[in-house]
Protein backbone atom coordinates (compact mmCIF):
# COMPACT_ATOMS: atom_id res chain seq x y z
CA UNK A 1 -82.81 68.85 -30.87
CA UNK A 2 -81.76 66.55 -28.34
CA UNK A 3 -83.93 68.30 -25.65
CA UNK A 4 -86.90 67.38 -28.06
CA UNK A 5 -85.98 63.43 -27.53
CA UNK A 6 -85.37 63.52 -24.29
CA UNK A 7 -88.99 65.12 -23.58
CA UNK A 8 -90.85 62.65 -26.07
CA UNK A 9 -88.85 59.33 -24.53
CA UNK A 10 -90.18 60.96 -21.10
CA UNK A 11 -94.05 60.95 -22.10
CA UNK A 12 -94.53 57.05 -21.17
CA UNK A 13 -93.03 57.65 -17.36
CA UNK A 14 -95.02 60.85 -17.40
CA UNK A 15 -98.09 59.28 -18.11
CA UNK A 16 -97.39 56.98 -15.12
CA UNK A 17 -96.62 59.53 -13.06
CA UNK A 18 -100.08 61.16 -14.12
CA UNK A 19 -102.43 58.10 -13.16
CA UNK A 20 -100.08 58.03 -9.81
CA UNK A 21 -100.57 61.89 -8.64
CA UNK A 22 -104.05 61.60 -9.57
CA UNK A 23 -104.62 58.95 -7.56
CA UNK A 24 -102.88 59.85 -4.67
CA UNK A 25 -105.32 63.18 -4.63
CA UNK A 26 -108.31 60.35 -5.07
CA UNK A 27 -106.96 58.78 -2.05
CA UNK A 28 -106.19 62.39 0.23
CA UNK A 29 -109.58 63.35 -0.68
CA UNK A 30 -111.42 59.96 0.08
CA UNK A 31 -110.03 60.22 3.63
CA UNK A 32 -111.10 64.04 3.83
CA UNK A 33 -114.47 62.96 3.00
CA UNK A 34 -114.51 59.96 5.70
CA UNK A 35 -113.32 62.45 8.43
CA UNK A 36 -115.88 64.25 7.28
CA UNK A 37 -118.74 61.77 7.74
CA UNK A 38 -117.17 60.54 10.79
CA UNK A 39 -117.09 63.79 12.65
CA UNK A 40 -120.59 64.90 11.22
CA UNK A 41 -122.24 62.15 11.53
CA UNK A 42 -123.86 59.76 8.82
CA UNK A 43 -127.42 58.97 9.41
CA UNK A 44 -127.55 57.11 12.88
CA UNK A 45 -123.57 57.99 13.59
CA UNK A 46 -123.09 60.11 16.80
CA UNK A 47 -120.09 61.47 16.95
CA UNK A 48 -119.21 61.29 21.06
CA UNK A 49 -115.05 61.64 21.62
CA UNK A 50 -113.71 62.40 17.79
CA UNK A 51 -111.54 58.95 17.96
CA UNK A 52 -113.26 57.62 14.52
CA UNK A 53 -112.44 60.71 12.64
CA UNK A 54 -108.78 60.83 14.18
CA UNK A 55 -108.48 57.66 13.30
CA UNK A 56 -109.18 57.58 9.57
CA UNK A 57 -105.73 57.30 7.83
CA UNK A 58 -104.28 56.27 4.58
CA UNK A 59 -101.79 53.41 4.15
CA UNK A 60 -98.51 52.95 2.50
CA UNK A 61 -98.32 53.35 -1.23
CA UNK A 62 -97.24 50.06 -2.77
CA UNK A 63 -96.45 50.16 -6.18
CA UNK A 64 -95.49 46.45 -7.40
CA UNK A 65 -93.41 47.56 -10.62
CA UNK A 66 -91.44 50.50 -11.33
CA UNK A 67 -93.42 52.20 -14.22
CA UNK A 68 -96.70 50.63 -12.96
CA UNK A 69 -99.73 51.62 -11.04
CA UNK A 70 -99.91 51.35 -7.06
CA UNK A 71 -102.59 50.75 -4.47
CA UNK A 72 -103.44 52.44 -1.13
CA UNK A 73 -105.40 51.59 1.71
CA UNK A 74 -107.75 54.12 3.48
CA UNK A 75 -108.91 52.46 6.86
CA UNK A 76 -109.54 52.83 10.50
CA UNK A 77 -108.00 50.66 13.18
CA UNK A 78 -110.37 51.29 15.92
CA UNK A 79 -112.25 47.72 16.33
CA UNK A 80 -115.67 48.86 16.17
CA UNK A 81 -114.99 51.20 12.87
CA UNK A 82 -116.14 48.09 11.16
CA UNK A 83 -119.01 47.61 12.77
CA UNK A 84 -120.39 51.22 12.18
CA UNK A 85 -119.31 50.52 8.03
CA UNK A 86 -121.31 47.20 7.87
CA UNK A 87 -123.46 46.95 11.01
CA UNK A 88 -123.49 43.62 13.54
CA UNK A 89 -125.26 41.68 15.29
CA UNK A 90 -124.16 41.19 18.71
CA UNK A 91 -125.41 38.01 20.77
CA UNK A 92 -124.66 37.07 24.70
CA UNK A 93 -121.20 34.71 24.60
CA UNK A 94 -122.85 33.51 28.60
CA UNK A 95 -126.29 32.89 29.38
CA UNK A 96 -129.22 33.96 27.36
CA UNK A 97 -129.20 38.03 27.79
CA UNK A 98 -126.88 40.80 27.10
CA UNK A 99 -127.07 43.36 29.97
CA UNK A 100 -126.19 46.77 29.26
CA UNK A 101 -126.45 50.25 30.33
CA UNK A 102 -128.05 52.27 27.87
CA UNK A 103 -125.76 56.32 27.10
CA UNK A 104 -128.20 59.39 27.76
CA UNK A 105 -127.10 62.33 25.56
CA UNK A 106 -125.15 64.56 28.38
CA UNK A 107 -122.76 60.98 29.24
CA UNK A 108 -119.24 61.61 27.49
CA UNK A 109 -117.31 58.93 29.31
CA UNK A 110 -119.15 56.27 30.49
CA UNK A 111 -123.24 55.39 30.47
CA UNK A 112 -125.25 56.78 33.32
CA UNK A 113 -128.67 55.55 31.93
CA UNK A 114 -131.07 52.73 32.70
CA UNK A 115 -129.77 49.19 32.39
CA UNK A 116 -131.36 47.04 29.84
CA UNK A 117 -131.07 42.59 28.72
CA UNK A 118 -131.61 41.77 25.47
CA UNK A 119 -130.95 38.72 23.58
CA UNK A 120 -129.64 40.27 20.47
CA UNK A 121 -128.24 43.87 19.60
CA UNK A 122 -128.70 44.56 15.69
CA UNK A 123 -126.23 47.34 14.83
CA UNK A 124 -126.96 48.53 11.48
CA UNK A 125 -124.76 49.99 9.11
CA UNK A 126 -123.93 53.35 9.07
CA UNK A 127 -121.35 53.85 6.36
CA UNK A 128 -118.48 56.46 6.34
CA UNK A 129 -115.67 55.29 4.13
CA UNK A 130 -117.75 53.48 1.45
CA UNK A 131 -120.07 57.07 0.62
CA UNK A 132 -116.37 59.02 0.65
CA UNK A 133 -114.84 56.69 -1.77
CA UNK A 134 -117.87 57.14 -3.68
CA UNK A 135 -118.40 60.83 -3.52
CA UNK A 136 -114.37 61.19 -4.04
CA UNK A 137 -114.43 58.74 -7.29
CA UNK A 138 -117.09 61.18 -9.03
CA UNK A 139 -114.36 63.81 -9.42
CA UNK A 140 -111.46 61.41 -10.86
CA UNK A 141 -111.32 62.80 -14.09
CA UNK A 142 -110.87 66.13 -12.44
CA UNK A 143 -107.84 64.62 -10.54
CA UNK A 144 -106.09 63.05 -13.70
CA UNK A 145 -106.66 66.52 -16.31
CA UNK A 146 -104.75 68.68 -13.29
CA UNK A 147 -102.42 66.50 -13.56
CA UNK A 148 -102.05 66.14 -17.08
CA UNK A 149 -102.04 69.56 -17.52
CA UNK A 150 -99.01 69.93 -14.95
CA UNK A 151 -96.76 67.50 -16.70
CA UNK A 152 -97.95 68.89 -20.14
CA UNK A 153 -96.59 72.65 -18.39
CA UNK A 154 -93.22 70.61 -17.28
CA UNK A 155 -92.76 69.10 -20.84
CA UNK A 156 -93.26 72.55 -22.20
CA UNK A 157 -90.35 73.80 -20.46
CA UNK A 158 -88.27 70.85 -21.51
CA UNK A 159 -88.97 71.38 -25.36
CA UNK A 160 -87.36 74.65 -27.02
């Protein structure tokens, strides 16, 4: 009989554990999908070195109070990751023009194409994190259901 009460009293903590387990699975799925987007190339995003793919990671899980839900960031610390995600306009710091060399498709380490000059260069958004989060969020009910089943099996083993 004491085991029944212990299992019943553990249900609130188990429900928080369900949410946290489902959330962590969601974060892992977002990381996987973002890496896939970066390595396969979203429209306009041509992977050259794989640095963007390798840089996508998740931050530490922060739980604000015991028994509460937490948060976790998925990010890339590369300086150009934000430019790919949101787009940017590059303007010259000195002089009226930007001067740069174009990349050929065979270039891997440095550009060898013709030189160009422009008053500004507009880089359109080529998101890889946002679509990954949107795609993974569609699977949230599945993650919660799996976590509930796991916790239910655990509680079932605790009861006589």
